[in-house]
Amino acid sequence: MGRYDDIIGMEHPVSRKHKPMPAANRAAQFAPFAALTGYDDAIDEAARLTERKREAGDCEQLELDIKLRILLENVKSRPWVRITHFVQDERKEGGRYIVSEGKLKKLRLAEADLVLEDGEEISLAQVADIESVLFQDIYF
């Protein structure tokens, strides 16, 4: 005779006082428990890479100044520009370099920024490089 042979054929007990628990609630009892809520998000955030802003050397700064002067002289013709600039990360130290393209609408010296035709404003302090057909005959 086996250990549970005496109860194997018995009916499952059903309470007369309590309604049976719905299957969805019963399943919830066995759902995984996340003891560290937000832990996965924190790990993902820590793993996300940022880079430091590179400081321009004297030659690079001079080249950028010349390009800005040329753009200032030609801003009314709304030249097509490709601007590489640094964007500070909102949540951690560092950021990333992105490239914005479009027609130059304004070059505001008082605000120290460039405004593209689509409304994007780029701080001159964050600009790493500018490309345009206006610079094709200039050798740096």
N, C-alpha and C. Protein backbone atom coordinates (compact mmCIF):
# COMPACT_ATOMS: atom_id res chain seq x y z
N MET A 1 0.84 -1.18 0.00
CA MET A 1 0.00 0.00 0.00
C MET A 1 0.88 1.24 0.00
N GLY A 2 0.55 2.20 -0.90
CA GLY A 2 1.31 3.43 -1.02
C GLY A 2 0.96 4.44 0.06
N ARG A 3 1.73 5.47 0.12
CA ARG A 3 1.58 6.48 1.17
C ARG A 3 0.24 7.21 1.12
N TYR A 4 -0.27 7.50 -0.08
CA TYR A 4 -1.52 8.27 -0.20
C TYR A 4 -2.66 7.47 -0.81
N ASP A 5 -2.54 6.20 -0.82
CA ASP A 5 -3.59 5.37 -1.42
C ASP A 5 -4.93 5.54 -0.70
N ASP A 6 -4.93 5.89 0.55
CA ASP A 6 -6.18 6.02 1.30
C ASP A 6 -6.97 7.27 0.91
N ILE A 7 -6.33 8.30 0.34
CA ILE A 7 -7.06 9.54 -0.02
C ILE A 7 -7.12 9.77 -1.51
N ILE A 8 -6.46 8.94 -2.30
CA ILE A 8 -6.38 9.17 -3.74
C ILE A 8 -7.74 9.17 -4.42
N GLY A 9 -8.66 8.42 -3.95
CA GLY A 9 -9.97 8.34 -4.59
C GLY A 9 -11.00 9.28 -4.01
N MET A 10 -10.65 10.07 -2.99
CA MET A 10 -11.62 10.96 -2.34
C MET A 10 -11.91 12.17 -3.22
N GLU A 11 -13.10 12.76 -3.02
CA GLU A 11 -13.47 13.98 -3.74
C GLU A 11 -12.71 15.17 -3.17
N HIS A 12 -12.48 16.16 -4.04
CA HIS A 12 -11.83 17.40 -3.61
C HIS A 12 -12.75 18.14 -2.66
N PRO A 13 -12.26 18.57 -1.51
CA PRO A 13 -13.15 19.27 -0.56
C PRO A 13 -13.55 20.65 -1.08
N VAL A 14 -14.82 21.02 -0.91
CA VAL A 14 -15.35 22.32 -1.32
C VAL A 14 -15.98 22.95 -0.09
N SER A 15 -15.63 24.19 0.20
CA SER A 15 -16.15 24.89 1.37
C SER A 15 -17.60 25.29 1.16
N ARG A 16 -18.38 25.19 2.22
CA ARG A 16 -19.77 25.62 2.16
C ARG A 16 -19.88 27.10 2.53
N LYS A 17 -18.87 27.65 3.22
CA LYS A 17 -18.90 29.05 3.67
C LYS A 17 -18.30 30.02 2.64
N HIS A 18 -17.26 29.60 1.93
CA HIS A 18 -16.53 30.50 1.04
C HIS A 18 -16.72 30.11 -0.42
N LYS A 19 -16.89 31.15 -1.26
CA LYS A 19 -16.98 30.92 -2.70
C LYS A 19 -15.60 30.52 -3.22
N PRO A 20 -15.55 29.74 -4.27
CA PRO A 20 -14.24 29.40 -4.83
C PRO A 20 -13.57 30.65 -5.43
N MET A 21 -12.26 30.74 -5.30
CA MET A 21 -11.51 31.87 -5.82
C MET A 21 -11.47 31.80 -7.35
N PRO A 22 -11.69 32.94 -8.03
CA PRO A 22 -11.61 32.94 -9.50
C PRO A 22 -10.22 32.50 -9.96
N ALA A 23 -10.18 31.87 -11.11
CA ALA A 23 -8.92 31.33 -11.64
C ALA A 23 -7.87 32.43 -11.84
N ALA A 24 -8.29 33.63 -12.24
CA ALA A 24 -7.34 34.73 -12.46
C ALA A 24 -6.64 35.11 -11.15
N ASN A 25 -7.40 35.13 -10.06
CA ASN A 25 -6.82 35.47 -8.76
C ASN A 25 -5.89 34.36 -8.27
N ARG A 26 -6.28 33.14 -8.53
CA ARG A 26 -5.43 32.02 -8.12
C ARG A 26 -4.10 32.08 -8.87
N ALA A 27 -4.15 32.40 -10.18
CA ALA A 27 -2.94 32.47 -10.99
C ALA A 27 -2.03 33.59 -10.49
N ALA A 28 -2.62 34.68 -10.00
CA ALA A 28 -1.82 35.81 -9.52
C ALA A 28 -0.96 35.44 -8.32
N GLN A 29 -1.37 34.47 -7.58
CA GLN A 29 -0.59 34.03 -6.42
C GLN A 29 0.78 33.50 -6.84
N PHE A 30 0.83 32.96 -8.04
CA PHE A 30 2.05 32.32 -8.50
C PHE A 30 2.82 33.17 -9.51
N ALA A 31 2.40 34.42 -9.72
CA ALA A 31 3.09 35.32 -10.64
C ALA A 31 4.46 35.68 -10.06
N PRO A 32 5.43 35.97 -10.93
CA PRO A 32 6.75 36.33 -10.42
C PRO A 32 6.68 37.62 -9.61
N PHE A 33 7.45 37.69 -8.59
CA PHE A 33 7.47 38.85 -7.70
C PHE A 33 8.75 39.64 -7.95
N ALA A 34 8.60 40.93 -8.27
CA ALA A 34 9.76 41.79 -8.51
C ALA A 34 10.07 42.53 -7.22
N ALA A 35 10.95 41.97 -6.43
CA ALA A 35 11.29 42.58 -5.15
C ALA A 35 12.00 43.91 -5.33
N LEU A 36 12.74 44.05 -6.42
CA LEU A 36 13.50 45.28 -6.67
C LEU A 36 12.86 46.03 -7.83
N THR A 37 11.75 46.67 -7.57
CA THR A 37 11.05 47.42 -8.60
C THR A 37 11.96 48.52 -9.14
N GLY A 38 12.08 48.58 -10.45
CA GLY A 38 12.91 49.60 -11.08
C GLY A 38 14.37 49.20 -11.23
N TYR A 39 14.74 48.05 -10.72
CA TYR A 39 16.14 47.61 -10.79
C TYR A 39 16.59 47.43 -12.23
N ASP A 40 15.76 46.79 -13.05
CA ASP A 40 16.12 46.57 -14.45
C ASP A 40 16.31 47.90 -15.18
N ASP A 41 15.44 48.87 -14.89
CA ASP A 41 15.56 50.19 -15.51
C ASP A 41 16.86 50.87 -15.09
N ALA A 42 17.22 50.74 -13.82
CA ALA A 42 18.45 51.34 -13.32
C ALA A 42 19.67 50.70 -13.97
N ILE A 43 19.64 49.40 -14.18
CA ILE A 43 20.74 48.70 -14.84
C ILE A 43 20.86 49.16 -16.29
N ASP A 44 19.73 49.27 -16.98
CA ASP A 44 19.73 49.74 -18.37
C ASP A 44 20.28 51.15 -18.48
N GLU A 45 19.88 52.01 -17.53
CA GLU A 45 20.36 53.39 -17.54
C GLU A 45 21.87 53.46 -17.30
N ALA A 46 22.37 52.65 -16.39
CA ALA A 46 23.80 52.63 -16.10
C ALA A 46 24.59 52.10 -17.30
N ALA A 47 23.99 51.20 -18.05
CA ALA A 47 24.69 50.62 -19.20
C ALA A 47 24.66 51.53 -20.42
N ARG A 48 23.76 52.51 -20.42
CA ARG A 48 23.66 53.42 -21.56
C ARG A 48 24.90 54.30 -21.61
N LEU A 49 25.56 54.32 -22.75
CA LEU A 49 26.82 55.04 -22.88
C LEU A 49 26.61 56.49 -23.29
N THR A 50 27.41 57.34 -22.74
CA THR A 50 27.48 58.74 -23.16
C THR A 50 28.94 59.04 -23.44
N GLU A 51 29.18 60.15 -24.09
CA GLU A 51 30.56 60.54 -24.34
C GLU A 51 30.79 61.96 -23.84
N ARG A 52 32.04 62.27 -23.61
CA ARG A 52 32.40 63.61 -23.15
C ARG A 52 32.43 64.57 -24.33
N LYS A 53 32.18 65.82 -24.03
CA LYS A 53 32.30 66.84 -25.06
C LYS A 53 33.78 67.08 -25.31
N ARG A 54 34.16 67.04 -26.58
CA ARG A 54 35.56 67.27 -26.95
C ARG A 54 35.83 68.78 -27.00
N GLU A 55 36.96 69.17 -26.46
CA GLU A 55 37.36 70.57 -26.51
C GLU A 55 38.09 70.83 -27.83
N ALA A 56 37.67 71.86 -28.53
CA ALA A 56 38.29 72.20 -29.82
C ALA A 56 39.65 72.84 -29.59
N GLY A 57 40.60 72.45 -30.42
CA GLY A 57 41.93 73.05 -30.37
C GLY A 57 41.91 74.42 -31.04
N ASP A 58 43.02 75.11 -30.99
CA ASP A 58 43.10 76.46 -31.57
C ASP A 58 42.80 76.45 -33.07
N CYS A 59 43.36 75.50 -33.80
CA CYS A 59 43.15 75.42 -35.25
C CYS A 59 41.69 75.13 -35.58
N GLU A 60 41.10 74.20 -34.82
CA GLU A 60 39.69 73.86 -35.05
C GLU A 60 38.79 75.05 -34.74
N GLN A 61 39.11 75.78 -33.68
CA GLN A 61 38.31 76.94 -33.31
C GLN A 61 38.42 78.04 -34.36
N LEU A 62 39.62 78.24 -34.89
CA LEU A 62 39.83 79.24 -35.94
C LEU A 62 39.04 78.86 -37.19
N GLU A 63 39.09 77.59 -37.56
CA GLU A 63 38.33 77.11 -38.72
C GLU A 63 36.83 77.33 -38.52
N LEU A 64 36.33 77.04 -37.34
CA LEU A 64 34.93 77.24 -37.04
C LEU A 64 34.55 78.72 -37.08
N ASP A 65 35.43 79.58 -36.58
CA ASP A 65 35.18 81.03 -36.62
C ASP A 65 35.08 81.54 -38.06
N ILE A 66 35.96 81.04 -38.91
CA ILE A 66 35.93 81.44 -40.34
C ILE A 66 34.63 80.99 -40.98
N LYS A 67 34.23 79.76 -40.70
CA LYS A 67 32.98 79.24 -41.26
C LYS A 67 31.78 80.05 -40.77
N LEU A 68 31.77 80.42 -39.51
CA LEU A 68 30.67 81.22 -38.97
C LEU A 68 30.63 82.61 -39.60
N ARG A 69 31.79 83.19 -39.84
CA ARG A 69 31.85 84.49 -40.50
C ARG A 69 31.28 84.41 -41.91
N ILE A 70 31.62 83.35 -42.64
CA ILE A 70 31.10 83.15 -44.00
C ILE A 70 29.58 82.94 -43.95
N LEU A 71 29.11 82.17 -43.00
CA LEU A 71 27.67 81.97 -42.86
C LEU A 71 26.95 83.27 -42.53
N LEU A 72 27.55 84.08 -41.67
CA LEU A 72 26.95 85.36 -41.30
C LEU A 72 26.79 86.27 -42.52
N GLU A 73 27.78 86.25 -43.40
CA GLU A 73 27.73 87.06 -44.62
C GLU A 73 26.69 86.54 -45.63
N ASN A 74 26.37 85.25 -45.56
CA ASN A 74 25.49 84.62 -46.54
C ASN A 74 24.17 84.13 -45.95
N VAL A 75 23.83 84.52 -44.75
CA VAL A 75 22.64 84.01 -44.09
C VAL A 75 21.35 84.35 -44.86
N LYS A 76 21.32 85.45 -45.56
CA LYS A 76 20.11 85.85 -46.29
C LYS A 76 19.80 84.91 -47.45
N SER A 77 20.80 84.23 -47.97
CA SER A 77 20.58 83.28 -49.07
C SER A 77 20.11 81.92 -48.56
N ARG A 78 20.01 81.78 -47.22
CA ARG A 78 19.57 80.54 -46.57
C ARG A 78 20.32 79.31 -47.08
N PRO A 79 21.63 79.28 -46.84
CA PRO A 79 22.43 78.15 -47.33
C PRO A 79 22.11 76.85 -46.60
N TRP A 80 22.31 75.75 -47.30
CA TRP A 80 22.14 74.42 -46.70
C TRP A 80 23.36 74.14 -45.84
N VAL A 81 23.14 73.73 -44.62
CA VAL A 81 24.25 73.44 -43.71
C VAL A 81 24.06 72.07 -43.06
N ARG A 82 25.18 71.50 -42.68
CA ARG A 82 25.20 70.24 -41.93
C ARG A 82 26.04 70.53 -40.70
N ILE A 83 25.40 70.50 -39.52
CA ILE A 83 26.04 70.92 -38.29
C ILE A 83 26.19 69.72 -37.35
N THR A 84 27.43 69.47 -36.95
CA THR A 84 27.69 68.44 -35.94
C THR A 84 27.79 69.17 -34.61
N HIS A 85 26.94 68.76 -33.67
CA HIS A 85 26.92 69.46 -32.38
C HIS A 85 26.68 68.49 -31.23
N PHE A 86 27.08 68.93 -30.05
CA PHE A 86 26.98 68.13 -28.84
C PHE A 86 25.65 68.40 -28.16
N VAL A 87 24.99 67.32 -27.72
CA VAL A 87 23.73 67.44 -26.98
C VAL A 87 23.95 66.80 -25.61
N GLN A 88 23.78 67.60 -24.58
CA GLN A 88 23.97 67.14 -23.20
C GLN A 88 22.89 66.14 -22.83
N ASP A 89 23.28 65.05 -22.18
CA ASP A 89 22.32 64.05 -21.71
C ASP A 89 21.55 64.63 -20.54
N GLU A 90 20.26 64.39 -20.49
CA GLU A 90 19.41 64.96 -19.43
C GLU A 90 19.54 64.21 -18.11
N ARG A 91 19.98 62.94 -18.14
CA ARG A 91 19.97 62.13 -16.93
C ARG A 91 21.34 61.79 -16.38
N LYS A 92 22.38 61.89 -17.18
CA LYS A 92 23.70 61.53 -16.66
C LYS A 92 24.76 62.40 -17.30
N GLU A 93 25.95 62.33 -16.75
CA GLU A 93 27.05 63.15 -17.21
C GLU A 93 27.43 62.76 -18.64
N GLY A 94 27.76 63.77 -19.44
CA GLY A 94 28.14 63.53 -20.83
C GLY A 94 26.97 63.77 -21.75
N GLY A 95 27.05 63.20 -22.93
CA GLY A 95 26.01 63.38 -23.94
C GLY A 95 26.38 62.64 -25.19
N ARG A 96 25.99 63.22 -26.34
CA ARG A 96 26.33 62.59 -27.61
C ARG A 96 26.39 63.65 -28.70
N TYR A 97 27.09 63.33 -29.76
CA TYR A 97 27.17 64.21 -30.90
C TYR A 97 26.11 63.80 -31.91
N ILE A 98 25.38 64.78 -32.41
CA ILE A 98 24.39 64.51 -33.44
C ILE A 98 24.64 65.46 -34.62
N VAL A 99 24.06 65.11 -35.74
CA VAL A 99 24.19 65.92 -36.94
C VAL A 99 22.81 66.44 -37.31
N SER A 100 22.73 67.75 -37.50
CA SER A 100 21.48 68.38 -37.93
C SER A 100 21.72 69.00 -39.29
N GLU A 101 20.76 68.83 -40.17
CA GLU A 101 20.88 69.38 -41.52
C GLU A 101 19.66 70.23 -41.84
N GLY A 102 19.88 71.22 -42.69
CA GLY A 102 18.77 72.05 -43.14
C GLY A 102 19.27 73.39 -43.61
N LYS A 103 18.32 74.21 -44.01
CA LYS A 103 18.66 75.56 -44.44
C LYS A 103 18.81 76.45 -43.22
N LEU A 104 19.86 77.27 -43.25
CA LEU A 104 20.12 78.19 -42.15
C LEU A 104 19.16 79.37 -42.25
N LYS A 105 18.38 79.57 -41.20
CA LYS A 105 17.42 80.67 -41.18
C LYS A 105 18.02 81.91 -40.54
N LYS A 106 18.67 81.72 -39.38
CA LYS A 106 19.24 82.85 -38.64
C LYS A 106 20.55 82.44 -38.00
N LEU A 107 21.42 83.40 -37.85
CA LEU A 107 22.63 83.25 -37.06
C LEU A 107 22.58 84.40 -36.06
N ARG A 108 22.17 84.08 -34.84
CA ARG A 108 21.96 85.12 -33.82
C ARG A 108 23.19 85.20 -32.94
N LEU A 109 23.92 86.28 -33.09
CA LEU A 109 25.14 86.46 -32.31
C LEU A 109 24.84 86.80 -30.85
N ALA A 110 23.79 87.59 -30.62
CA ALA A 110 23.45 87.98 -29.25
C ALA A 110 23.07 86.76 -28.41
N GLU A 111 22.34 85.82 -29.00
CA GLU A 111 21.94 84.60 -28.29
C GLU A 111 22.98 83.49 -28.45
N ALA A 112 23.96 83.73 -29.33
CA ALA A 112 25.02 82.76 -29.63
C ALA A 112 24.44 81.43 -30.09
N ASP A 113 23.55 81.50 -31.10
CA ASP A 113 23.01 80.26 -31.64
C ASP A 113 22.68 80.38 -33.12
N LEU A 114 22.48 79.22 -33.71
CA LEU A 114 22.06 79.09 -35.10
C LEU A 114 20.62 78.60 -35.10
N VAL A 115 19.82 79.07 -36.03
CA VAL A 115 18.44 78.61 -36.15
C VAL A 115 18.25 78.07 -37.56
N LEU A 116 17.81 76.83 -37.64
CA LEU A 116 17.54 76.23 -38.94
C LEU A 116 16.11 76.54 -39.35
N GLU A 117 15.82 76.35 -40.62
CA GLU A 117 14.50 76.67 -41.16
C GLU A 117 13.37 75.89 -40.48
N ASP A 118 13.67 74.67 -39.99
CA ASP A 118 12.64 73.87 -39.31
C ASP A 118 12.42 74.30 -37.86
N GLY A 119 13.16 75.34 -37.40
CA GLY A 119 12.99 75.87 -36.05
C GLY A 119 13.99 75.36 -35.04
N GLU A 120 14.82 74.39 -35.41
CA GLU A 120 15.81 73.85 -34.48
C GLU A 120 16.84 74.93 -34.15
N GLU A 121 17.10 75.10 -32.86
CA GLU A 121 18.09 76.07 -32.39
C GLU A 121 19.30 75.31 -31.87
N ILE A 122 20.49 75.73 -32.32
CA ILE A 122 21.72 75.05 -31.93
C ILE A 122 22.66 76.08 -31.33
N SER A 123 23.08 75.84 -30.10
CA SER A 123 23.99 76.75 -29.41
C SER A 123 25.36 76.71 -30.09
N LEU A 124 25.94 77.88 -30.31
CA LEU A 124 27.27 77.94 -30.93
C LEU A 124 28.33 77.28 -30.04
N ALA A 125 28.12 77.30 -28.75
CA ALA A 125 29.07 76.67 -27.83
C ALA A 125 29.11 75.16 -27.99
N GLN A 126 28.05 74.57 -28.55
CA GLN A 126 27.97 73.11 -28.70
C GLN A 126 28.37 72.64 -30.10
N VAL A 127 28.62 73.56 -31.02
CA VAL A 127 28.95 73.21 -32.41
C VAL A 127 30.37 72.69 -32.50
N ALA A 128 30.52 71.52 -33.12
CA ALA A 128 31.84 70.92 -33.32
C ALA A 128 32.32 71.13 -34.74
N ASP A 129 31.39 71.13 -35.72
CA ASP A 129 31.77 71.31 -37.11
C ASP A 129 30.56 71.76 -37.91
N ILE A 130 30.85 72.49 -38.98
CA ILE A 130 29.80 72.94 -39.90
C ILE A 130 30.27 72.63 -41.31
N GLU A 131 29.38 72.04 -42.09
CA GLU A 131 29.67 71.77 -43.49
C GLU A 131 28.65 72.51 -44.34
N SER A 132 29.11 73.04 -45.47
CA SER A 132 28.24 73.75 -46.39
C SER A 132 28.95 73.87 -47.73
N VAL A 133 28.18 74.05 -48.79
CA VAL A 133 28.79 74.28 -50.11
C VAL A 133 29.53 75.61 -50.14
N LEU A 134 29.20 76.50 -49.22
CA LEU A 134 29.90 77.79 -49.14
C LEU A 134 31.39 77.63 -48.82
N PHE A 135 31.75 76.50 -48.24
CA PHE A 135 33.14 76.28 -47.81
C PHE A 135 33.94 75.42 -48.79
N GLN A 136 33.34 75.05 -49.93
CA GLN A 136 34.01 74.10 -50.80
C GLN A 136 35.29 74.63 -51.44
N ASP A 137 35.43 75.93 -51.59
CA ASP A 137 36.65 76.50 -52.19
C ASP A 137 37.68 76.93 -51.15
N ILE A 138 37.38 76.67 -49.89
CA ILE A 138 38.27 77.08 -48.81
C ILE A 138 39.01 75.86 -48.30
N TYR A 139 40.32 75.97 -48.16
CA TYR A 139 41.13 74.87 -47.66
C TYR A 139 41.66 75.24 -46.29
N PHE A 140 41.42 74.40 -45.35
CA PHE A 140 41.85 74.67 -43.97
C PHE A 140 43.07 73.86 -43.63
